[in-house]
């Protein structure tokens, strides 16, 4: 009579994450895979232990915010500016080539132009959450490959804005003029902050001395910086995760990251796990079983093409073939922000319900299997001496 109805589900989910995590750890697989499998297994299309996808998805969104906040604290804006060729040229050509690869298939299937461009945009975005989590777990964040991948992922996140603008001009109105203008203002705001930090290199936060020995208030101060900037960029029509990323950069530039790490580490672990579990919930097993030949073919095609496209571009930009191939493999999956583009596509009637389900399935499965693909290629090209070169953070 005194048992909360949610308690059995909560306990079951926690034990499932623990059991799957320990199993995959014994198999030398990253925790990300375990979180995804738990979502697939316990979700509405598995054992249906977790049915409220909306709440879990929102909690998972906080996980992305927390993850990018921590990543931002380890990023040097000056290094990002110095690596502008990889960020701008690499990302631009990667998107254009992705669209160009989809074009012949679209013409063969008699797709309208806006659908071809939408699918090209969807497959061109890689997963910031998955890739950065793997780089952190493998201690490769500050390697040359890690830094190249980081600036590409950041540029891809910013590329969402022009993508939405292009889609709005090609089909039924997706975003109104006021929203697009607000997003452009937000993008300028982000660039100004990053430019200022890159120029100043070191900044000072207010109240830092008062918080130094107050551990309880440190938690709320850190959350205020992280969630406050996430809210601001969200109000400006940008990704909330992008705002959290900038907040992390600000903290890192202030040389005051130790107490933030200690205060928020537990929050980060839980919410990041929830994000990946929420991605697993999206996989409709019945749809996957029914259409597995098409889905499997598309998953293989996407992973291989993204690996080759990104690897070739980085090779042209002067990286070694080993580093280029490894970086291309890291960027091989389709990212979480592609779910946003897919949702825009079905709302604007650019794709059908079948096309939306197919897109969601392919995105989710590339997220699920990309860690294994990355580890396979890594094992093949990193026998003995690793292909990455260490880069010290400039602060």
Protein backbone atom coordinates (compact mmCIF):
# COMPACT_ATOMS: atom_id res chain seq x y z
CA UNK A 1 0.00 0.00 0.00
CA UNK A 2 2.94 2.34 0.61
CA UNK A 3 4.85 1.38 -2.56
CA UNK A 4 5.23 4.09 -5.19
CA UNK A 5 4.04 2.59 -8.53
CA UNK A 6 7.12 3.93 -10.32
CA UNK A 7 9.56 2.21 -7.94
CA UNK A 8 9.57 -1.26 -9.61
CA UNK A 9 10.19 0.32 -13.02
CA UNK A 10 12.97 2.53 -11.65
CA UNK A 11 14.68 -0.37 -9.90
CA UNK A 12 14.33 -2.55 -13.02
CA UNK A 13 15.85 0.15 -15.25
CA UNK A 14 18.78 0.78 -12.88
CA UNK A 15 19.56 -2.93 -12.55
CA UNK A 16 19.29 -3.36 -16.32
CA UNK A 17 21.79 -0.55 -16.90
CA UNK A 18 24.14 -2.02 -14.29
CA UNK A 19 23.93 -5.58 -15.64
CA UNK A 20 24.30 -4.54 -19.28
CA UNK A 21 27.14 -2.17 -18.42
CA UNK A 22 29.10 -4.85 -16.57
CA UNK A 23 28.51 -7.37 -19.36
CA UNK A 24 29.70 -5.03 -22.09
CA UNK A 25 32.63 -3.86 -19.98
CA UNK A 26 33.81 -7.49 -19.76
CA UNK A 27 33.60 -7.52 -23.58
CA UNK A 28 35.60 -4.25 -23.74
CA UNK A 29 32.65 -2.33 -25.20
CA UNK A 30 31.90 1.31 -24.26
CA UNK A 31 29.06 2.10 -21.86
CA UNK A 32 27.23 3.91 -24.67
CA UNK A 33 26.32 0.60 -26.31
CA UNK A 34 24.90 -0.72 -23.04
CA UNK A 35 22.70 2.33 -22.54
CA UNK A 36 21.33 2.03 -26.07
CA UNK A 37 20.59 -1.69 -25.66
CA UNK A 38 18.80 -1.06 -22.38
CA UNK A 39 16.56 1.47 -24.14
CA UNK A 40 15.76 -0.99 -26.93
CA UNK A 41 15.11 -3.85 -24.49
CA UNK A 42 13.01 -1.99 -21.92
CA UNK A 43 11.23 0.37 -24.30
CA UNK A 44 7.66 0.20 -25.66
CA UNK A 45 8.80 -2.01 -28.54
CA UNK A 46 10.71 -4.40 -26.22
CA UNK A 47 9.49 -5.54 -22.79
CA UNK A 48 7.52 -2.29 -22.42
CA UNK A 49 8.91 -1.66 -18.96
CA UNK A 50 9.43 1.99 -19.91
CA UNK A 51 6.48 3.51 -21.76
CA UNK A 52 6.78 7.23 -21.11
CA UNK A 53 9.14 8.15 -23.92
CA UNK A 54 8.46 11.89 -23.63
CA UNK A 55 9.66 12.25 -20.04
CA UNK A 56 12.73 10.08 -20.58
CA UNK A 57 13.55 11.93 -23.80
CA UNK A 58 13.47 15.23 -21.93
CA UNK A 59 15.69 13.86 -19.19
CA UNK A 60 18.01 12.57 -21.91
CA UNK A 61 18.16 16.04 -23.44
CA UNK A 62 19.51 17.29 -20.10
CA UNK A 63 22.13 14.55 -20.40
CA UNK A 64 23.38 16.01 -23.69
CA UNK A 65 23.49 19.45 -22.08
CA UNK A 66 25.58 18.13 -19.18
CA UNK A 67 27.88 16.15 -21.48
CA UNK A 68 28.67 19.14 -23.71
CA UNK A 69 29.13 21.39 -20.67
CA UNK A 70 31.90 19.09 -19.42
CA UNK A 71 33.37 18.81 -22.90
CA UNK A 72 33.41 22.61 -23.21
CA UNK A 73 35.57 22.90 -20.08
CA UNK A 74 38.31 20.97 -21.88
CA UNK A 75 38.17 23.00 -25.10
CA UNK A 76 40.51 25.82 -26.04
CA UNK A 77 38.73 28.48 -28.19
CA UNK A 78 42.10 29.57 -29.51
CA UNK A 79 42.72 26.05 -30.78
CA UNK A 80 39.28 26.05 -32.44
CA UNK A 81 40.10 29.29 -34.25
CA UNK A 82 43.47 27.93 -35.35
CA UNK A 83 41.72 24.85 -36.75
CA UNK A 84 39.17 26.83 -38.80
CA UNK A 85 40.08 25.08 -42.07
CA UNK A 86 39.02 21.70 -40.76
CA UNK A 87 35.91 23.16 -39.11
CA UNK A 88 34.62 25.29 -41.99
CA UNK A 89 36.01 23.78 -45.19
CA UNK A 90 35.80 20.19 -43.96
CA UNK A 91 32.21 20.47 -42.75
CA UNK A 92 31.03 22.41 -45.80
CA UNK A 93 32.39 19.89 -48.27
CA UNK A 94 31.21 16.98 -46.15
CA UNK A 95 27.63 18.26 -46.27
CA UNK A 96 27.79 19.04 -49.99
CA UNK A 97 29.23 15.61 -50.83
CA UNK A 98 26.60 13.88 -48.68
CA UNK A 99 23.81 15.64 -50.58
CA UNK A 100 25.53 14.84 -53.89
CA UNK A 101 25.69 11.14 -52.96
CA UNK A 102 21.96 11.06 -52.20
CA UNK A 103 21.05 12.86 -55.44
CA UNK A 104 21.38 9.90 -57.87
CA UNK A 105 19.31 7.70 -55.55
CA UNK A 106 16.68 10.42 -55.29
CA UNK A 107 16.50 10.81 -59.04
CA UNK A 108 16.16 7.03 -59.46
CA UNK A 109 13.33 6.91 -56.90
CA UNK A 110 11.72 10.08 -58.32
CA UNK A 111 12.10 12.02 -55.08
CA UNK A 112 11.35 15.75 -55.02
CA UNK A 113 14.33 18.04 -54.69
CA UNK A 114 13.58 19.03 -51.08
CA UNK A 115 13.50 15.38 -49.99
CA UNK A 116 16.89 14.71 -51.55
CA UNK A 117 18.39 17.69 -49.75
CA UNK A 118 16.72 16.78 -46.45
CA UNK A 119 18.09 13.19 -46.53
CA UNK A 120 21.52 14.53 -47.49
CA UNK A 121 21.44 16.87 -44.50
CA UNK A 122 20.28 14.08 -42.18
CA UNK A 123 23.14 11.71 -43.01
CA UNK A 124 25.77 14.48 -42.94
CA UNK A 125 25.40 15.14 -39.20
CA UNK A 126 27.40 12.98 -36.81
CA UNK A 127 26.66 12.34 -33.14
CA UNK A 128 28.36 14.83 -30.84
CA UNK A 129 27.21 12.91 -27.77
CA UNK A 130 28.42 9.48 -28.91
CA UNK A 131 31.76 10.57 -30.38
CA UNK A 132 32.80 12.83 -27.52
CA UNK A 133 31.77 10.21 -24.97
CA UNK A 134 33.99 7.65 -26.72
CA UNK A 135 36.91 10.08 -26.95
CA UNK A 136 36.61 10.76 -23.23
CA UNK A 137 36.42 7.07 -22.30
CA UNK A 138 39.45 6.30 -24.47
CA UNK A 139 41.46 9.36 -23.28
CA UNK A 140 41.79 10.62 -26.86
CA UNK A 141 40.05 13.95 -26.48
CA UNK A 142 43.29 15.98 -26.66
CA UNK A 143 44.78 13.96 -29.51
CA UNK A 144 45.09 15.47 -32.96
CA UNK A 145 42.25 13.30 -34.24
CA UNK A 146 40.13 14.22 -31.23
CA UNK A 147 40.62 17.94 -31.81
CA UNK A 148 39.83 17.65 -35.54
CA UNK A 149 36.69 15.67 -34.80
CA UNK A 150 35.65 18.17 -32.13
CA UNK A 151 35.77 21.20 -34.43
CA UNK A 152 33.88 19.30 -37.14
CA UNK A 153 31.15 18.31 -34.68
CA UNK A 154 30.86 21.89 -33.43
CA UNK A 155 30.61 23.18 -37.01
CA UNK A 156 27.95 20.56 -37.79
CA UNK A 157 25.88 21.69 -34.79
CA UNK A 158 26.04 25.28 -36.06
CA UNK A 159 25.18 24.07 -39.58
CA UNK A 160 21.68 23.15 -38.34
CA UNK A 161 20.73 26.83 -38.71
CA UNK A 162 21.44 27.21 -42.46
CA UNK A 163 19.95 23.75 -43.03
CA UNK A 164 16.62 24.87 -41.57
CA UNK A 165 16.79 28.09 -43.58
CA UNK A 166 17.35 26.15 -46.82
CA UNK A 167 14.50 23.75 -46.06
CA UNK A 168 12.18 26.64 -45.26
CA UNK A 169 12.87 28.19 -48.68
CA UNK A 170 12.39 24.96 -50.63
CA UNK A 171 9.10 23.64 -49.34
CA UNK A 172 6.19 24.48 -47.09
CA UNK A 173 7.23 26.94 -44.39
CA UNK A 174 9.26 25.14 -41.75
CA UNK A 175 10.52 28.17 -39.88
CA UNK A 176 9.15 31.70 -40.12
CA UNK A 177 11.34 34.70 -40.86
CA UNK A 178 11.38 35.89 -37.24
CA UNK A 179 12.62 32.50 -36.00
CA UNK A 180 15.36 32.35 -38.62
CA UNK A 181 16.45 35.88 -37.76
CA UNK A 182 16.59 34.95 -34.08
CA UNK A 183 18.71 31.89 -34.88
CA UNK A 184 21.15 33.99 -36.89
CA UNK A 185 21.37 36.45 -33.99
CA UNK A 186 22.10 33.54 -31.67
CA UNK A 187 24.82 32.25 -33.99
CA UNK A 188 26.47 35.69 -34.02
CA UNK A 189 26.23 35.82 -30.22
CA UNK A 190 28.00 32.46 -29.92
CA UNK A 191 30.74 33.50 -32.34
CA UNK A 192 31.32 36.77 -30.45
CA UNK A 193 31.70 34.93 -27.12
CA UNK A 194 34.10 32.37 -28.60
CA UNK A 195 36.08 35.14 -30.31
CA UNK A 196 36.32 37.15 -27.09
CA UNK A 197 37.54 34.15 -25.08
CA UNK A 198 40.02 33.22 -27.82
CA UNK A 199 41.38 36.79 -27.72
CA UNK A 200 41.48 37.16 -23.93
CA UNK A 201 42.49 33.53 -23.27
CA UNK A 202 41.77 33.93 -19.52
CA UNK A 203 38.67 35.45 -17.89
CA UNK A 204 37.48 35.85 -14.30
CA UNK A 205 34.11 34.71 -12.99
CA UNK A 206 32.22 36.75 -10.39
CA UNK A 207 31.67 35.24 -6.93
CA UNK A 208 34.30 32.53 -7.53
CA UNK A 209 36.13 33.34 -4.27
CA UNK A 210 32.89 33.20 -2.27
CA UNK A 211 32.05 29.76 -3.68
CA UNK A 212 35.49 28.26 -3.20
CA UNK A 213 34.70 26.52 0.12
CA UNK A 214 30.89 26.34 -0.11
CA UNK A 215 30.29 22.93 -1.69
CA UNK A 216 26.48 23.08 -1.58
CA UNK A 217 26.29 26.42 -3.39
CA UNK A 218 28.91 25.22 -5.87
CA UNK A 219 26.38 22.72 -7.19
CA UNK A 220 23.80 25.41 -7.88
CA UNK A 221 26.36 27.88 -9.22
CA UNK A 222 27.61 25.29 -11.71
CA UNK A 223 24.07 24.36 -12.72
CA UNK A 224 23.23 28.05 -13.14
CA UNK A 225 26.07 28.55 -15.60
CA UNK A 226 25.35 25.35 -17.50
CA UNK A 227 21.56 25.54 -17.69
CA UNK A 228 21.43 29.34 -17.88
CA UNK A 229 23.40 29.52 -21.12
CA UNK A 230 21.53 26.45 -22.42
CA UNK A 231 18.25 28.29 -21.80
CA UNK A 232 19.57 31.42 -23.51
CA UNK A 233 20.60 29.64 -26.70
CA UNK A 234 17.33 27.72 -26.64
CA UNK A 235 15.40 31.01 -26.52
CA UNK A 236 17.50 32.20 -29.46
CA UNK A 237 16.35 29.20 -31.51
CA UNK A 238 19.61 27.25 -31.21
CA UNK A 239 20.45 23.94 -29.57
CA UNK A 240 20.43 24.06 -25.77
CA UNK A 241 23.42 21.71 -25.84
CA UNK A 242 25.36 24.35 -27.79
CA UNK A 243 24.73 26.90 -25.02
CA UNK A 244 25.95 24.43 -22.41
CA UNK A 245 29.05 23.82 -24.51
CA UNK A 246 29.82 27.56 -24.54
CA UNK A 247 29.19 27.68 -20.78
CA UNK A 248 31.80 24.97 -20.33
CA UNK A 249 34.28 26.94 -22.44
CA UNK A 250 33.70 30.00 -20.24
CA UNK A 251 34.37 27.97 -17.09
CA UNK A 252 37.47 26.44 -18.65
CA UNK A 253 38.83 29.85 -19.65
CA UNK A 254 38.35 31.02 -16.05
CA UNK A 255 40.64 28.22 -14.80
CA UNK A 256 37.97 27.20 -12.29
CA UNK A 257 36.97 23.74 -13.44
CA UNK A 258 37.91 21.57 -10.48
CA UNK A 259 34.96 22.38 -8.22
CA UNK A 260 32.57 22.23 -11.19
CA UNK A 261 33.73 18.72 -12.08
CA UNK A 262 33.35 17.55 -8.51
CA UNK A 263 29.92 19.16 -8.10
CA UNK A 264 28.29 17.94 -11.31
CA UNK A 265 29.99 14.66 -12.18
CA UNK A 266 27.19 12.52 -10.72
CA UNK A 267 24.54 14.55 -12.54
CA UNK A 268 26.43 14.09 -15.79
CA UNK A 269 26.71 10.30 -15.48
CA UNK A 270 23.00 9.79 -14.77
CA UNK A 271 21.61 12.18 -17.37
CA UNK A 272 23.99 11.11 -20.13
CA UNK A 273 22.90 7.52 -19.53
CA UNK A 274 19.27 8.63 -19.76
CA UNK A 275 19.95 10.31 -23.10
CA UNK A 276 21.29 7.13 -24.69
CA UNK A 277 18.51 5.05 -23.15
CA UNK A 278 15.99 7.49 -24.68
CA UNK A 279 17.60 6.98 -28.10
CA UNK A 280 17.18 3.22 -27.70
CA UNK A 281 13.49 3.73 -26.94
CA UNK A 282 12.95 5.19 -30.41
CA UNK A 283 13.80 1.92 -32.15
CA UNK A 284 10.58 0.22 -33.30
CA UNK A 285 11.58 -3.44 -33.32
CA UNK A 286 8.48 -4.50 -35.30
CA UNK A 287 9.28 -1.98 -38.02
CA UNK A 288 12.94 -3.05 -38.04
CA UNK A 289 12.05 -6.74 -38.37
CA UNK A 290 9.54 -6.04 -41.13
CA UNK A 291 11.89 -3.85 -43.18
CA UNK A 292 15.27 -5.23 -42.14
CA UNK A 293 16.74 -5.62 -45.66
CA UNK A 294 16.23 -1.93 -46.48
CA UNK A 295 17.36 -0.79 -43.03
CA UNK A 296 20.46 -2.98 -42.99
CA UNK A 297 21.45 -1.85 -46.47
CA UNK A 298 21.03 1.82 -45.55
CA UNK A 299 22.92 1.44 -42.27
CA UNK A 300 25.90 -0.19 -44.00
CA UNK A 301 25.81 2.37 -46.81
CA UNK A 302 25.66 5.32 -44.41
CA UNK A 303 28.45 4.11 -42.13
CA UNK A 304 30.78 3.31 -45.04
CA UNK A 305 30.03 6.49 -46.98
CA UNK A 306 30.42 8.76 -43.93
CA UNK A 307 33.71 7.07 -43.06
CA UNK A 308 35.07 7.50 -46.56
CA UNK A 309 33.75 11.04 -47.12
CA UNK A 310 35.08 12.42 -43.83
CA UNK A 311 38.33 10.50 -44.13
CA UNK A 312 38.95 11.69 -47.70
CA UNK A 313 38.26 15.33 -46.82
CA UNK A 314 40.66 15.28 -43.87
CA UNK A 315 43.29 13.58 -46.02
CA UNK A 316 42.96 16.36 -48.60
CA UNK A 317 43.31 18.92 -45.79
CA UNK A 318 46.72 17.49 -44.93
CA UNK A 319 46.15 14.83 -42.27
CA UNK A 320 47.85 11.44 -42.54
CA UNK A 321 45.78 8.65 -44.02
CA UNK A 322 45.71 6.80 -40.68
CA UNK A 323 44.44 9.83 -38.77
CA UNK A 324 42.01 10.68 -41.56
CA UNK A 325 40.55 7.19 -41.67
CA UNK A 326 40.22 7.01 -37.90
CA UNK A 327 38.54 10.43 -37.75
CA UNK A 328 36.20 9.43 -40.58
CA UNK A 329 35.29 6.29 -38.66
CA UNK A 330 34.53 8.31 -35.53
CA UNK A 331 32.15 10.46 -37.59
CA UNK A 332 30.51 7.51 -39.36
CA UNK A 333 27.18 7.44 -37.50
CA UNK A 334 24.19 9.75 -37.96
CA UNK A 335 23.80 12.25 -35.12
CA UNK A 336 21.07 12.98 -32.61
CA UNK A 337 20.33 16.37 -34.21
CA UNK A 338 19.26 14.50 -37.34
CA UNK A 339 16.15 13.48 -35.38
CA UNK A 340 15.25 17.17 -35.41
CA UNK A 341 15.60 17.37 -39.19
CA UNK A 342 13.55 14.18 -39.62
CA UNK A 343 10.79 15.64 -37.43
CA UNK A 344 10.86 18.84 -39.49
CA UNK A 345 10.64 16.74 -42.64
CA UNK A 346 7.49 14.90 -41.62
CA UNK A 347 5.84 18.07 -40.29
CA UNK A 348 6.48 19.82 -43.60
CA UNK A 349 5.34 16.70 -45.53
CA UNK A 350 8.74 16.40 -47.19
CA UNK A 351 8.86 12.74 -46.13
CA UNK A 352 6.05 10.27 -45.42
CA UNK A 353 5.36 8.41 -42.17
CA UNK A 354 7.16 5.38 -43.62
CA UNK A 355 10.12 7.59 -44.54
CA UNK A 356 10.19 9.04 -41.05
CA UNK A 357 10.15 5.60 -39.37
CA UNK A 358 12.86 4.39 -41.75
CA UNK A 359 14.99 7.45 -41.02
CA UNK A 360 14.60 7.07 -37.24
CA UNK A 361 15.49 3.37 -37.44
CA UNK A 362 18.60 4.01 -39.52
CA UNK A 363 19.77 6.86 -37.25
CA UNK A 364 19.25 4.78 -34.11
CA UNK A 365 20.98 1.69 -35.46
CA UNK A 366 23.99 3.65 -36.71
CA UNK A 367 24.29 5.10 -33.19
CA UNK A 368 24.06 1.58 -31.78
CA UNK A 369 26.60 -0.10 -34.03
CA UNK A 370 29.07 2.72 -34.71
CA UNK A 371 31.11 2.06 -31.51
CA UNK A 372 31.77 -1.50 -32.70
CA UNK A 373 32.73 -0.22 -36.17
CA UNK A 374 35.03 2.39 -34.64
CA UNK A 375 36.73 -0.20 -32.44
CA UNK A 376 37.20 -2.53 -35.42
CA UNK A 377 38.87 0.12 -37.58
CA UNK A 378 40.86 1.36 -34.60
CA UNK A 379 42.21 -2.14 -34.03
CA UNK A 380 43.19 -2.44 -37.70
CA UNK A 381 45.03 0.88 -37.97
CA UNK A 382 46.43 1.19 -34.45
CA UNK A 383 48.56 -1.96 -34.18
CA UNK A 384 51.48 -0.92 -32.10
CA UNK A 385 51.93 2.82 -32.46
CA UNK A 386 48.64 4.82 -32.33
CA UNK A 387 47.91 7.07 -35.32
CA UNK A 388 47.14 10.10 -33.16
CA UNK A 389 49.55 12.76 -31.92
CA UNK A 390 49.05 14.42 -28.57
CA UNK A 391 48.08 18.09 -28.46
CA UNK A 392 48.37 20.11 -25.27
CA UNK A 393 45.43 22.33 -24.40
CA UNK A 394 46.20 26.04 -24.83
CA UNK A 395 44.59 28.05 -22.06
